Amino acid sequence: VGPVLDKEYFQIFQKKLLEYQGNGILYHGPLEREDMLAAMKESDVIINSSVSEGMASTIIEAMMLGIPVIARNNPGNAQIIQHGKNGFLFSTPEGFVEIGKLVCSCKEVRDDVVRNAMEISK
């Protein structure tokens, strides 16, 4: 969800997205706040791939809603997320894939992270 900030990168992203069409991976353009929260509630995981981030309210909102978060390891995200405790941080594409597989395949890890995140976000 969100606006296109880099047109060149977005074109590459769109081509990759087509490879995974039908696998539940969706991209939405910008949404109003109410629609954003509704979309988040329907999500299995929230991904924040921003190279830099101040205070990512989306991460906190996802935690409050009980949705696991996978975020790029940058100073803003690292202030909120304790890797493996209340969310996950990645630094490389390979790390992102590894974490994604873990979150999708291990219900116990997912449930622990969600529980911790909800406690911390209160």
PDB file of N, CA and C in Angstrom:
ATOM      1  N   VAL A   1       0.851  -1.173   0.000  1.00  0.00           N
ATOM      2  CA  VAL A   1       0.000   0.000   0.000  1.00  0.00           C
ATOM      3  C   VAL A   1       0.895   1.233   0.000  1.00  0.00           C
ATOM      4  N   GLY A   2       0.546   2.191  -0.807  1.00  0.00           N
ATOM      5  CA  GLY A   2       1.274   3.445  -0.784  1.00  0.00           C
ATOM      6  C   GLY A   2       1.545   3.978  -2.167  1.00  0.00           C
ATOM      7  N   PRO A   3       1.994   5.213  -2.208  1.00  0.00           N
ATOM      8  CA  PRO A   3       2.262   5.848  -3.497  1.00  0.00           C
ATOM      9  C   PRO A   3       3.547   5.313  -4.137  1.00  0.00           C
ATOM     10  N   VAL A   4       3.656   5.496  -5.431  1.00  0.00           N
ATOM     11  CA  VAL A   4       4.873   5.148  -6.158  1.00  0.00           C
ATOM     12  C   VAL A   4       5.849   6.300  -5.983  1.00  0.00           C
ATOM     13  N   LEU A   5       6.977   6.030  -5.374  1.00  0.00           N
ATOM     14  CA  LEU A   5       7.980   7.066  -5.130  1.00  0.00           C
ATOM     15  C   LEU A   5       9.113   7.025  -6.145  1.00  0.00           C
ATOM     16  N   ASP A   6       9.363   5.855  -6.720  1.00  0.00           N
ATOM     17  CA  ASP A   6      10.452   5.680  -7.680  1.00  0.00           C
ATOM     18  C   ASP A   6       9.891   4.899  -8.866  1.00  0.00           C
ATOM     19  N   LYS A   7       9.629   5.597  -9.972  1.00  0.00           N
ATOM     20  CA  LYS A   7       8.957   4.972 -11.120  1.00  0.00           C
ATOM     21  C   LYS A   7       9.758   3.823 -11.719  1.00  0.00           C
ATOM     22  N   GLU A   8      11.070   3.992 -11.819  1.00  0.00           N
ATOM     23  CA  GLU A   8      11.915   2.928 -12.376  1.00  0.00           C
ATOM     24  C   GLU A   8      11.832   1.663 -11.535  1.00  0.00           C
ATOM     25  N   TYR A   9      11.991   1.837 -10.230  1.00  0.00           N
ATOM     26  CA  TYR A   9      11.930   0.686  -9.324  1.00  0.00           C
ATOM     27  C   TYR A   9      10.543   0.054  -9.367  1.00  0.00           C
ATOM     28  N   PHE A  10       9.505   0.874  -9.444  1.00  0.00           N
ATOM     29  CA  PHE A  10       8.142   0.354  -9.461  1.00  0.00           C
ATOM     30  C   PHE A  10       7.899  -0.522 -10.683  1.00  0.00           C
ATOM     31  N   GLN A  11       8.481  -0.171 -11.821  1.00  0.00           N
ATOM     32  CA  GLN A  11       8.332  -0.994 -13.024  1.00  0.00           C
ATOM     33  C   GLN A  11       8.948  -2.373 -12.812  1.00  0.00           C
ATOM     34  N   ILE A  12      10.105  -2.418 -12.173  1.00  0.00           N
ATOM     35  CA  ILE A  12      10.749  -3.699 -11.852  1.00  0.00           C
ATOM     36  C   ILE A  12       9.876  -4.474 -10.875  1.00  0.00           C
ATOM     37  N   PHE A  13       9.365  -3.777  -9.869  1.00  0.00           N
ATOM     38  CA  PHE A  13       8.490  -4.382  -8.866  1.00  0.00           C
ATOM     39  C   PHE A  13       7.248  -4.992  -9.521  1.00  0.00           C
ATOM     40  N   GLN A  14       6.619  -4.262 -10.442  1.00  0.00           N
ATOM     41  CA  GLN A  14       5.421  -4.759 -11.112  1.00  0.00           C
ATOM     42  C   GLN A  14       5.699  -6.042 -11.885  1.00  0.00           C
ATOM     43  N   LYS A  15       6.844  -6.106 -12.567  1.00  0.00           N
ATOM     44  CA  LYS A  15       7.197  -7.317 -13.311  1.00  0.00           C
ATOM     45  C   LYS A  15       7.360  -8.502 -12.367  1.00  0.00           C
ATOM     46  N   LYS A  16       8.034  -8.291 -11.236  1.00  0.00           N
ATOM     47  CA  LYS A  16       8.211  -9.362 -10.242  1.00  0.00           C
ATOM     48  C   LYS A  16       6.869  -9.777  -9.659  1.00  0.00           C
ATOM     49  N   LEU A  17       6.009  -8.796  -9.402  1.00  0.00           N
ATOM     50  CA  LEU A  17       4.699  -9.073  -8.825  1.00  0.00           C
ATOM     51  C   LEU A  17       3.884  -9.993  -9.727  1.00  0.00           C
ATOM     52  N   LEU A  18       4.005  -9.821 -11.030  1.00  0.00           N
ATOM     53  CA  LEU A  18       3.295 -10.670 -11.982  1.00  0.00           C
ATOM     54  C   LEU A  18       3.710 -12.135 -11.852  1.00  0.00           C
ATOM     55  N   GLU A  19       4.971 -12.374 -11.489  1.00  0.00           N
ATOM     56  CA  GLU A  19       5.456 -13.741 -11.308  1.00  0.00           C
ATOM     57  C   GLU A  19       4.719 -14.444 -10.170  1.00  0.00           C
ATOM     58  N   TYR A  20       4.266 -13.670  -9.193  1.00  0.00           N
ATOM     59  CA  TYR A  20       3.624 -14.240  -8.007  1.00  0.00           C
ATOM     60  C   TYR A  20       2.113 -14.041  -8.011  1.00  0.00           C
ATOM     61  N   GLN A  21       1.573 -13.623  -9.133  1.00  0.00           N
ATOM     62  CA  GLN A  21       0.139 -13.385  -9.247  1.00  0.00           C
ATOM     63  C   GLN A  21      -0.622 -14.647  -8.851  1.00  0.00           C
ATOM     64  N   GLY A  22      -1.636 -14.489  -8.030  1.00  0.00           N
ATOM     65  CA  GLY A  22      -2.425 -15.627  -7.576  1.00  0.00           C
ATOM     66  C   GLY A  22      -1.907 -16.247  -6.299  1.00  0.00           C
ATOM     67  N   ASN A  23      -0.800 -15.762  -5.762  1.00  0.00           N
ATOM     68  CA  ASN A  23      -0.239 -16.306  -4.524  1.00  0.00           C
ATOM     69  C   ASN A  23      -0.573 -15.452  -3.308  1.00  0.00           C
ATOM     70  N   GLY A  24      -1.542 -14.555  -3.443  1.00  0.00           N
ATOM     71  CA  GLY A  24      -1.963 -13.738  -2.309  1.00  0.00           C
ATOM     72  C   GLY A  24      -1.114 -12.515  -2.052  1.00  0.00           C
ATOM     73  N   ILE A  25      -0.215 -12.189  -2.969  1.00  0.00           N
ATOM     74  CA  ILE A  25       0.619 -10.990  -2.809  1.00  0.00           C
ATOM     75  C   ILE A  25      -0.032  -9.877  -3.609  1.00  0.00           C
ATOM     76  N   LEU A  26      -0.381  -8.800  -2.912  1.00  0.00           N
ATOM     77  CA  LEU A  26      -1.095  -7.701  -3.551  1.00  0.00           C
ATOM     78  C   LEU A  26      -0.395  -6.375  -3.309  1.00  0.00           C
ATOM     79  N   TYR A  27      -0.535  -5.476  -4.263  1.00  0.00           N
ATOM     80  CA  TYR A  27      -0.068  -4.104  -4.086  1.00  0.00           C
ATOM     81  C   TYR A  27      -1.268  -3.189  -4.284  1.00  0.00           C
ATOM     82  N   HIS A  28      -1.449  -2.269  -3.360  1.00  0.00           N
ATOM     83  CA  HIS A  28      -2.488  -1.249  -3.479  1.00  0.00           C
ATOM     84  C   HIS A  28      -1.790   0.097  -3.561  1.00  0.00           C
ATOM     85  N   GLY A  29      -2.368   1.009  -4.308  1.00  0.00           N
ATOM     86  CA  GLY A  29      -1.880   2.380  -4.299  1.00  0.00           C
ATOM     87  C   GLY A  29      -2.247   3.027  -2.969  1.00  0.00           C
ATOM     88  N   PRO A  30      -2.163   4.329  -2.890  1.00  0.00           N
ATOM     89  CA  PRO A  30      -2.492   5.028  -1.645  1.00  0.00           C
ATOM     90  C   PRO A  30      -3.943   4.771  -1.222  1.00  0.00           C
ATOM     91  N   LEU A  31      -4.154   4.635   0.072  1.00  0.00           N
ATOM     92  CA  LEU A  31      -5.495   4.429   0.630  1.00  0.00           C
ATOM     93  C   LEU A  31      -5.755   5.449   1.728  1.00  0.00           C
ATOM     94  N   GLU A  32      -7.019   5.795   1.899  1.00  0.00           N
ATOM     95  CA  GLU A  32      -7.415   6.625   3.036  1.00  0.00           C
ATOM     96  C   GLU A  32      -7.176   5.821   4.303  1.00  0.00           C
ATOM     97  N   ARG A  33      -7.009   6.498   5.429  1.00  0.00           N
ATOM     98  CA  ARG A  33      -6.675   5.838   6.701  1.00  0.00           C
ATOM     99  C   ARG A  33      -7.642   4.704   7.049  1.00  0.00           C
ATOM    100  N   GLU A  34      -8.933   4.964   6.937  1.00  0.00           N
ATOM    101  CA  GLU A  34      -9.934   3.939   7.274  1.00  0.00           C
ATOM    102  C   GLU A  34      -9.787   2.706   6.377  1.00  0.00           C
ATOM    103  N   ASP A  35      -9.571   2.939   5.089  1.00  0.00           N
ATOM    104  CA  ASP A  35      -9.383   1.837   4.144  1.00  0.00           C
ATOM    105  C   ASP A  35      -8.066   1.109   4.405  1.00  0.00           C
ATOM    106  N   MET A  36      -7.053   1.868   4.817  1.00  0.00           N
ATOM    107  CA  MET A  36      -5.749   1.275   5.141  1.00  0.00           C
ATOM    108  C   MET A  36      -5.888   0.309   6.315  1.00  0.00           C
ATOM    109  N   LEU A  37      -6.567   0.739   7.368  1.00  0.00           N
ATOM    110  CA  LEU A  37      -6.752  -0.135   8.526  1.00  0.00           C
ATOM    111  C   LEU A  37      -7.560  -1.371   8.162  1.00  0.00           C
ATOM    112  N   ALA A  38      -8.581  -1.211   7.316  1.00  0.00           N
ATOM    113  CA  ALA A  38      -9.383  -2.362   6.865  1.00  0.00           C
ATOM    114  C   ALA A  38      -8.511  -3.335   6.077  1.00  0.00           C
ATOM    115  N   ALA A  39      -7.652  -2.811   5.207  1.00  0.00           N
ATOM    116  CA  ALA A  39      -6.751  -3.675   4.430  1.00  0.00           C
ATOM    117  C   ALA A  39      -5.765  -4.390   5.347  1.00  0.00           C
ATOM    118  N   MET A  40      -5.268  -3.683   6.361  1.00  0.00           N
ATOM    119  CA  MET A  40      -4.329  -4.292   7.301  1.00  0.00           C
ATOM    120  C   MET A  40      -4.986  -5.453   8.043  1.00  0.00           C
ATOM    121  N   LYS A  41      -6.236  -5.277   8.452  1.00  0.00           N
ATOM    122  CA  LYS A  41      -6.945  -6.330   9.192  1.00  0.00           C
ATOM    123  C   LYS A  41      -7.108  -7.600   8.365  1.00  0.00           C
ATOM    124  N   GLU A  42      -7.103  -7.446   7.047  1.00  0.00           N
ATOM    125  CA  GLU A  42      -7.247  -8.596   6.144  1.00  0.00           C
ATOM    126  C   GLU A  42      -5.899  -9.227   5.771  1.00  0.00           C
ATOM    127  N   SER A  43      -4.816  -8.635   6.253  1.00  0.00           N
ATOM    128  CA  SER A  43      -3.470  -9.077   5.863  1.00  0.00           C
ATOM    129  C   SER A  43      -2.933 -10.160   6.796  1.00  0.00           C
ATOM    130  N   ASP A  44      -2.102 -11.023   6.244  1.00  0.00           N
ATOM    131  CA  ASP A  44      -1.427 -12.060   7.029  1.00  0.00           C
ATOM    132  C   ASP A  44      -0.150 -11.526   7.648  1.00  0.00           C
ATOM    133  N   VAL A  45       0.445 -10.544   7.006  1.00  0.00           N
ATOM    134  CA  VAL A  45       1.697  -9.952   7.477  1.00  0.00           C
ATOM    135  C   VAL A  45       1.801  -8.542   6.898  1.00  0.00           C
ATOM    136  N   ILE A  46       2.458  -7.649   7.639  1.00  0.00           N
ATOM    137  CA  ILE A  46       2.725  -6.299   7.147  1.00  0.00           C
ATOM    138  C   ILE A  46       4.219  -6.202   6.871  1.00  0.00           C
ATOM    139  N   ILE A  47       4.557  -5.687   5.701  1.00  0.00           N
ATOM    140  CA  ILE A  47       5.956  -5.543   5.302  1.00  0.00           C
ATOM    141  C   ILE A  47       6.273  -4.062   5.164  1.00  0.00           C
ATOM    142  N   ASN A  48       7.335  -3.633   5.815  1.00  0.00           N
ATOM    143  CA  ASN A  48       7.836  -2.266   5.673  1.00  0.00           C
ATOM    144  C   ASN A  48       9.220  -2.382   5.054  1.00  0.00           C
ATOM    145  N   SER A  49       9.336  -1.952   3.803  1.00  0.00           N
ATOM    146  CA  SER A  49      10.609  -2.088   3.094  1.00  0.00           C
ATOM    147  C   SER A  49      11.316  -0.752   2.903  1.00  0.00           C
ATOM    148  N   SER A  50      10.899   0.265   3.648  1.00  0.00           N
ATOM    149  CA  SER A  50      11.502   1.594   3.512  1.00  0.00           C
ATOM    150  C   SER A  50      12.986   1.568   3.848  1.00  0.00           C
ATOM    151  N   VAL A  51      13.767   2.244   3.021  1.00  0.00           N
ATOM    152  CA  VAL A  51      15.200   2.350   3.264  1.00  0.00           C
ATOM    153  C   VAL A  51      15.455   3.190   4.508  1.00  0.00           C
ATOM    154  N   SER A  52      14.661   4.239   4.697  1.00  0.00           N
ATOM    155  CA  SER A  52      14.769   5.038   5.919  1.00  0.00           C
ATOM    156  C   SER A  52      13.362   5.270   6.449  1.00  0.00           C
ATOM    157  N   GLU A  53      13.268   5.402   7.753  1.00  0.00           N
ATOM    158  CA  GLU A  53      11.958   5.540   8.393  1.00  0.00           C
ATOM    159  C   GLU A  53      12.127   6.338   9.662  1.00  0.00           C
ATOM    160  N   GLY A  54      11.197   7.239   9.905  1.00  0.00           N
ATOM    161  CA  GLY A  54      11.179   7.954  11.180  1.00  0.00           C
ATOM    162  C   GLY A  54      10.504   7.041  12.196  1.00  0.00           C
ATOM    163  N   MET A  55       9.319   7.405  12.594  1.00  0.00           N
ATOM    164  CA  MET A  55       8.526   6.561  13.483  1.00  0.00           C
ATOM    165  C   MET A  55       7.421   5.968  12.627  1.00  0.00           C
ATOM    166  N   ALA A  56       7.532   4.701  12.307  1.00  0.00           N
ATOM    167  CA  ALA A  56       6.594   4.043  11.403  1.00  0.00           C
ATOM    168  C   ALA A  56       5.297   3.702  12.130  1.00  0.00           C
ATOM    169  N   SER A  57       4.311   4.563  12.002  1.00  0.00           N
ATOM    170  CA  SER A  57       3.035   4.326  12.671  1.00  0.00           C
ATOM    171  C   SER A  57       2.366   3.060  12.151  1.00  0.00           C
ATOM    172  N   THR A  58       2.598   2.710  10.897  1.00  0.00           N
ATOM    173  CA  THR A  58       2.005   1.493  10.339  1.00  0.00           C
ATOM    174  C   THR A  58       2.479   0.259  11.103  1.00  0.00           C
ATOM    175  N   ILE A  59       3.734   0.249  11.509  1.00  0.00           N
ATOM    176  CA  ILE A  59       4.261  -0.890  12.278  1.00  0.00           C
ATOM    177  C   ILE A  59       3.540  -0.984  13.621  1.00  0.00           C
ATOM    178  N   ILE A  60       3.378   0.121  14.287  1.00  0.00           N
ATOM    179  CA  ILE A  60       2.708   0.121  15.592  1.00  0.00           C
ATOM    180  C   ILE A  60       1.248  -0.283  15.434  1.00  0.00           C
ATOM    181  N   GLU A  61       0.588   0.229  14.394  1.00  0.00           N
ATOM    182  CA  GLU A  61      -0.810  -0.139  14.147  1.00  0.00           C
ATOM    183  C   GLU A  61      -0.933  -1.632  13.863  1.00  0.00           C
ATOM    184  N   ALA A  62      -0.026  -2.181  13.077  1.00  0.00           N
ATOM    185  CA  ALA A  62      -0.062  -3.619  12.787  1.00  0.00           C
ATOM    186  C   ALA A  62       0.111  -4.426  14.070  1.00  0.00           C
ATOM    187  N   MET A  63       1.033  -4.002  14.910  1.00  0.00           N
ATOM    188  CA  MET A  63       1.254  -4.698  16.184  1.00  0.00           C
ATOM    189  C   MET A  63      -0.011  -4.673  17.038  1.00  0.00           C
ATOM    190  N   MET A  64      -0.670  -3.532  17.100  1.00  0.00           N
ATOM    191  CA  MET A  64      -1.891  -3.404  17.883  1.00  0.00           C
ATOM    192  C   MET A  64      -3.009  -4.283  17.330  1.00  0.00           C
ATOM    193  N   LEU A  65      -3.008  -4.496  16.014  1.00  0.00           N
ATOM    194  CA  LEU A  65      -4.030  -5.330  15.371  1.00  0.00           C
ATOM    195  C   LEU A  65      -3.693  -6.818  15.408  1.00  0.00           C
ATOM    196  N   GLY A  66      -2.500  -7.159  15.913  1.00  0.00           N
ATOM    197  CA  GLY A  66      -2.109  -8.564  15.990  1.00  0.00           C
ATOM    198  C   GLY A  66      -1.619  -9.144  14.677  1.00  0.00           C
ATOM    199  N   ILE A  67      -0.992  -8.300  13.861  1.00  0.00           N
ATOM    200  CA  ILE A  67      -0.468  -8.737  12.562  1.00  0.00           C
ATOM    201  C   ILE A  67       1.051  -8.723  12.630  1.00  0.00           C
ATOM    202  N   PRO A  68       1.697  -9.832  12.302  1.00  0.00           N
ATOM    203  CA  PRO A  68       3.164  -9.845  12.343  1.00  0.00           C
ATOM    204  C   PRO A  68       3.769  -8.841  11.360  1.00  0.00           C
ATOM    205  N   VAL A  69       4.913  -8.297  11.751  1.00  0.00           N
ATOM    206  CA  VAL A  69       5.590  -7.279  10.949  1.00  0.00           C
ATOM    207  C   VAL A  69       6.971  -7.775  10.534  1.00  0.00           C
ATOM    208  N   ILE A  70       7.258  -7.611   9.249  1.00  0.00           N
ATOM    209  CA  ILE A  70       8.593  -7.843   8.707  1.00  0.00           C
ATOM    210  C   ILE A  70       9.040  -6.500   8.148  1.00  0.00           C
ATOM    211  N   ALA A  71      10.139  -5.956   8.662  1.00  0.00           N
ATOM    212  CA  ALA A  71      10.560  -4.615   8.270  1.00  0.00           C
ATOM    213  C   ALA A  71      12.049  -4.568   7.961  1.00  0.00           C
ATOM    214  N   ARG A  72      12.390  -3.661   7.046  1.00  0.00           N
ATOM    215  CA  ARG A  72      13.803  -3.446   6.732  1.00  0.00           C
ATOM    216  C   ARG A  72      14.502  -2.924   7.988  1.00  0.00           C
ATOM    217  N   ASN A  73      15.706  -3.398   8.203  1.00  0.00           N
ATOM    218  CA  ASN A  73      16.486  -2.981   9.367  1.00  0.00           C
ATOM    219  C   ASN A  73      17.058  -1.587   9.115  1.00  0.00           C
ATOM    220  N   ASN A  74      16.362  -0.582   9.617  1.00  0.00           N
ATOM    221  CA  ASN A  74      16.848   0.789   9.574  1.00  0.00           C
ATOM    222  C   ASN A  74      16.618   1.392  10.959  1.00  0.00           C
ATOM    223  N   PRO A  75      17.241   2.509  11.273  1.00  0.00           N
ATOM    224  CA  PRO A  75      17.151   3.040  12.644  1.00  0.00           C
ATOM    225  C   PRO A  75      15.724   3.252  13.156  1.00  0.00           C
ATOM    226  N   GLY A  76      14.825   3.784  12.324  1.00  0.00           N
ATOM    227  CA  GLY A  76      13.451   4.012  12.769  1.00  0.00           C
ATOM    228  C   GLY A  76      12.727   2.723  13.107  1.00  0.00           C
ATOM    229  N   ASN A  77      12.844   1.726  12.219  1.00  0.00           N
ATOM    230  CA  ASN A  77      12.180   0.446  12.458  1.00  0.00           C
ATOM    231  C   ASN A  77      12.801  -0.297  13.640  1.00  0.00           C
ATOM    232  N   ALA A  78      14.130  -0.206  13.762  1.00  0.00           N
ATOM    233  CA  ALA A  78      14.835  -0.905  14.842  1.00  0.00           C
ATOM    234  C   ALA A  78      14.520  -0.309  16.215  1.00  0.00           C
ATOM    235  N   GLN A  79      14.017   0.922  16.266  1.00  0.00           N
ATOM    236  CA  GLN A  79      13.597   1.492  17.542  1.00  0.00           C
ATOM    237  C   GLN A  79      12.307   0.849  18.042  1.00  0.00           C
ATOM    238  N   ILE A  80      11.532   0.303  17.137  1.00  0.00           N
ATOM    239  CA  ILE A  80      10.244  -0.298  17.487  1.00  0.00           C
ATOM    240  C   ILE A  80      10.342  -1.811  17.604  1.00  0.00           C
ATOM    241  N   ILE A  81      11.040  -2.419  16.660  1.00  0.00           N
ATOM    242  CA  ILE A  81      11.062  -3.883  16.555  1.00  0.00           C
ATOM    243  C   ILE A  81      12.297  -4.466  17.220  1.00  0.00           C
ATOM    244  N   GLN A  82      12.057  -5.438  18.086  1.00  0.00           N
ATOM    245  CA  GLN A  82      13.124  -6.267  18.647  1.00  0.00           C
ATOM    246  C   GLN A  82      13.080  -7.567  17.844  1.00  0.00           C
ATOM    247  N   HIS A  83      14.063  -7.746  16.975  1.00  0.00           N
ATOM    248  CA  HIS A  83      14.053  -8.862  16.022  1.00  0.00           C
ATOM    249  C   HIS A  83      13.782 -10.193  16.706  1.00  0.00           C
ATOM    250  N   GLY A  84      12.763 -10.877  16.203  1.00  0.00           N
ATOM    251  CA  GLY A  84      12.418 -12.198  16.713  1.00  0.00           C
ATOM    252  C   GLY A  84      11.554 -12.169  17.962  1.00  0.00           C
ATOM    253  N   LYS A  85      11.395 -10.987  18.569  1.00  0.00           N
ATOM    254  CA  LYS A  85      10.572 -10.891  19.776  1.00  0.00           C
ATOM    255  C   LYS A  85       9.195 -10.302  19.472  1.00  0.00           C
ATOM    256  N   ASN A  86       9.163  -9.111  18.852  1.00  0.00           N
ATOM    257  CA  ASN A  86       7.873  -8.487  18.548  1.00  0.00           C
ATOM    258  C   ASN A  86       7.723  -8.167  17.057  1.00  0.00           C
ATOM    259  N   GLY A  87       8.606  -8.707  16.260  1.00  0.00           N
ATOM    260  CA  GLY A  87       8.597  -8.517  14.815  1.00  0.00           C
ATOM    261  C   GLY A  87       9.920  -9.008  14.253  1.00  0.00           C
ATOM    262  N   PHE A  88      10.116  -8.732  12.985  1.00  0.00           N
ATOM    263  CA  PHE A  88      11.337  -9.215  12.329  1.00  0.00           C
ATOM    264  C   PHE A  88      11.965  -8.098  11.513  1.00  0.00           C
ATOM    265  N   LEU A  89      13.289  -8.053  11.516  1.00  0.00           N
ATOM    266  CA  LEU A  89      14.051  -7.084  10.736  1.00  0.00           C
ATOM    267  C   LEU A  89      14.904  -7.821   9.709  1.00  0.00           C
ATOM    268  N   PHE A  90      14.939  -7.288   8.500  1.00  0.00           N
ATOM    269  CA  PHE A  90      15.794  -7.877   7.464  1.00  0.00           C
ATOM    270  C   PHE A  90      16.719  -6.813   6.895  1.00  0.00           C
ATOM    271  N   SER A  91      17.881  -7.260   6.441  1.00  0.00           N
ATOM    272  CA  SER A  91      18.866  -6.337   5.854  1.00  0.00           C
ATOM    273  C   SER A  91      19.166  -6.661   4.399  1.00  0.00           C
ATOM    274  N   THR A  92      18.813  -7.873   3.972  1.00  0.00           N
ATOM    275  CA  THR A  92      19.095  -8.302   2.601  1.00  0.00           C
ATOM    276  C   THR A  92      17.855  -8.965   2.008  1.00  0.00           C
ATOM    277  N   PRO A  93      17.780  -9.048   0.691  1.00  0.00           N
ATOM    278  CA  PRO A  93      16.655  -9.769   0.085  1.00  0.00           C
ATOM    279  C   PRO A  93      16.586 -11.228   0.563  1.00  0.00           C
ATOM    280  N   GLU A  94      17.754 -11.838   0.729  1.00  0.00           N
ATOM    281  CA  GLU A  94      17.782 -13.238   1.186  1.00  0.00           C
ATOM    282  C   GLU A  94      17.245 -13.341   2.617  1.00  0.00           C
ATOM    283  N   GLY A  95      17.601 -12.357   3.442  1.00  0.00           N
ATOM    284  CA  GLY A  95      17.090 -12.334   4.806  1.00  0.00           C
ATOM    285  C   GLY A  95      15.585 -12.159   4.842  1.00  0.00           C
ATOM    286  N   PHE A  96      15.076 -11.315   3.949  1.00  0.00           N
ATOM    287  CA  PHE A  96      13.628 -11.116   3.845  1.00  0.00           C
ATOM    288  C   PHE A  96      12.930 -12.428   3.494  1.00  0.00           C
ATOM    289  N   VAL A  97      13.447 -13.136   2.504  1.00  0.00           N
ATOM    290  CA  VAL A  97      12.842 -14.402   2.071  1.00  0.00           C
ATOM    291  C   VAL A  97      12.868 -15.418   3.218  1.00  0.00           C
ATOM    292  N   GLU A  98      14.001 -15.519   3.897  1.00  0.00           N
ATOM    293  CA  GLU A  98      14.139 -16.458   5.020  1.00  0.00           C
ATOM    294  C   GLU A  98      13.109 -16.155   6.110  1.00  0.00           C
ATOM    295  N   ILE A  99      12.966 -14.889   6.473  1.00  0.00           N
ATOM    296  CA  ILE A  99      12.008 -14.501   7.503  1.00  0.00           C
ATOM    297  C   ILE A  99      10.581 -14.761   7.021  1.00  0.00           C
ATOM    298  N   GLY A 100      10.302 -14.429   5.772  1.00  0.00           N
ATOM    299  CA  GLY A 100       8.970 -14.675   5.216  1.00  0.00           C
ATOM    300  C   GLY A 100       8.585 -16.135   5.290  1.00  0.00           C
ATOM    301  N   LYS A 101       9.511 -17.006   4.952  1.00  0.00           N
ATOM    302  CA  LYS A 101       9.245 -18.451   5.031  1.00  0.00           C
ATOM    303  C   LYS A 101       8.992 -18.879   6.474  1.00  0.00           C
ATOM    304  N   LEU A 102       9.766 -18.350   7.415  1.00  0.00           N
ATOM    305  CA  LEU A 102       9.590 -18.679   8.827  1.00  0.00           C
ATOM    306  C   LEU A 102       8.217 -18.248   9.318  1.00  0.00           C
ATOM    307  N   VAL A 103       7.831 -17.022   9.029  1.00  0.00           N
ATOM    308  CA  VAL A 103       6.542 -16.494   9.482  1.00  0.00           C
ATOM    309  C   VAL A 103       5.382 -17.295   8.884  1.00  0.00           C
ATOM    310  N   CYS A 104       5.523 -17.695   7.641  1.00  0.00           N
ATOM    311  CA  CYS A 104       4.452 -18.442   6.978  1.00  0.00           C
ATOM    312  C   CYS A 104       4.379 -19.903   7.406  1.00  0.00           C
ATOM    313  N   SER A 105       5.489 -20.469   7.836  1.00  0.00           N
ATOM    314  CA  SER A 105       5.505 -21.904   8.109  1.00  0.00           C
ATOM    315  C   SER A 105       5.480 -22.276   9.581  1.00  0.00           C
ATOM    316  N   CYS A 106       5.769 -21.358  10.477  1.00  0.00           N
ATOM    317  CA  CYS A 106       5.886 -21.705  11.891  1.00  0.00           C
ATOM    318  C   CYS A 106       4.875 -20.913  12.726  1.00  0.00           C
ATOM    319  N   LYS A 107       3.730 -21.525  12.971  1.00  0.00           N
ATOM    320  CA  LYS A 107       2.650 -20.875  13.717  1.00  0.00           C
ATOM    321  C   LYS A 107       3.089 -20.474  15.122  1.00  0.00           C
ATOM    322  N   GLU A 108       3.894 -21.290  15.775  1.00  0.00           N
ATOM    323  CA  GLU A 108       4.340 -20.990  17.137  1.00  0.00           C
ATOM    324  C   GLU A 108       5.162 -19.695  17.176  1.00  0.00           C
ATOM    325  N   VAL A 109       6.096 -19.552  16.256  1.00  0.00           N
ATOM    326  CA  VAL A 109       6.920 -18.332  16.189  1.00  0.00           C
ATOM    327  C   VAL A 109       6.029 -17.136  15.887  1.00  0.00           C
ATOM    328  N   ARG A 110       5.163 -17.297  14.927  1.00  0.00           N
ATOM    329  CA  ARG A 110       4.236 -16.221  14.537  1.00  0.00           C
ATOM    330  C   ARG A 110       3.386 -15.788  15.734  1.00  0.00           C
ATOM    331  N   ASP A 111       2.796 -16.747  16.439  1.00  0.00           N
ATOM    332  CA  ASP A 111       1.931 -16.437  17.584  1.00  0.00           C
ATOM    333  C   ASP A 111       2.701 -15.756  18.713  1.00  0.00           C
ATOM    334  N   ASP A 112       3.920 -16.212  18.976  1.00  0.00           N
ATOM    335  CA  ASP A 112       4.748 -15.591  20.025  1.00  0.00           C
ATOM    336  C   ASP A 112       5.057 -14.137  19.692  1.00  0.00           C
ATOM    337  N   VAL A 113       5.442 -13.888  18.458  1.00  0.00           N
ATOM    338  CA  VAL A 113       5.790 -12.535  18.028  1.00  0.00           C
ATOM    339  C   VAL A 113       4.563 -11.619  18.102  1.00  0.00           C
ATOM    340  N   VAL A 114       3.427 -12.116  17.662  1.00  0.00           N
ATOM    341  CA  VAL A 114       2.182 -11.327  17.700  1.00  0.00           C
ATOM    342  C   VAL A 114       1.814 -11.004  19.144  1.00  0.00           C
ATOM    343  N   ARG A 115       1.889 -11.988  20.017  1.00  0.00           N
ATOM    344  CA  ARG A 115       1.551 -11.784  21.430  1.00  0.00           C
ATOM    345  C   ARG A 115       2.468 -10.724  22.050  1.00  0.00           C
ATOM    346  N   ASN A 116       3.760 -10.854  21.832  1.00  0.00           N
ATOM    347  CA  ASN A 116       4.725  -9.866  22.360  1.00  0.00           C
ATOM    348  C   ASN A 116       4.475  -8.479  21.785  1.00  0.00           C
ATOM    349  N   ALA A 117       4.203  -8.410  20.498  1.00  0.00           N
ATOM    350  CA  ALA A 117       3.965  -7.116  19.845  1.00  0.00           C
ATOM    351  C   ALA A 117       2.724  -6.446  20.415  1.00  0.00           C
ATOM    352  N   MET A 118       1.673  -7.208  20.629  1.00  0.00           N
ATOM    353  CA  MET A 118       0.449  -6.628  21.180  1.00  0.00           C
ATOM    354  C   MET A 118       0.674  -6.115  22.598  1.00  0.00           C
ATOM    355  N   GLU A 119       1.472  -6.826  23.385  1.00  0.00           N
ATOM    356  CA  GLU A 119       1.794  -6.369  24.749  1.00  0.00           C
ATOM    357  C   GLU A 119       2.566  -5.056  24.716  1.00  0.00           C
ATOM    358  N   ILE A 120       3.574  -5.005  23.874  1.00  0.00           N
ATOM    359  CA  ILE A 120       4.441  -3.834  23.801  1.00  0.00           C
ATOM    360  C   ILE A 120       3.687  -2.618  23.248  1.00  0.00           C
ATOM    361  N   SER A 121       2.758  -2.845  22.333  1.00  0.00           N
ATOM    362  CA  SER A 121       2.074  -1.730  21.663  1.00  0.00           C
ATOM    363  C   SER A 121       0.930  -1.134  22.476  1.00  0.00           C
ATOM    364  N   LYS A 122       0.616  -1.709  23.615  1.00  0.00           N
ATOM    365  CA  LYS A 122      -0.497  -1.191  24.430  1.00  0.00           C
ATOM    366  C   LYS A 122      -0.224   0.188  24.966  1.00  0.00           C
TER     367      LYS A 122
END
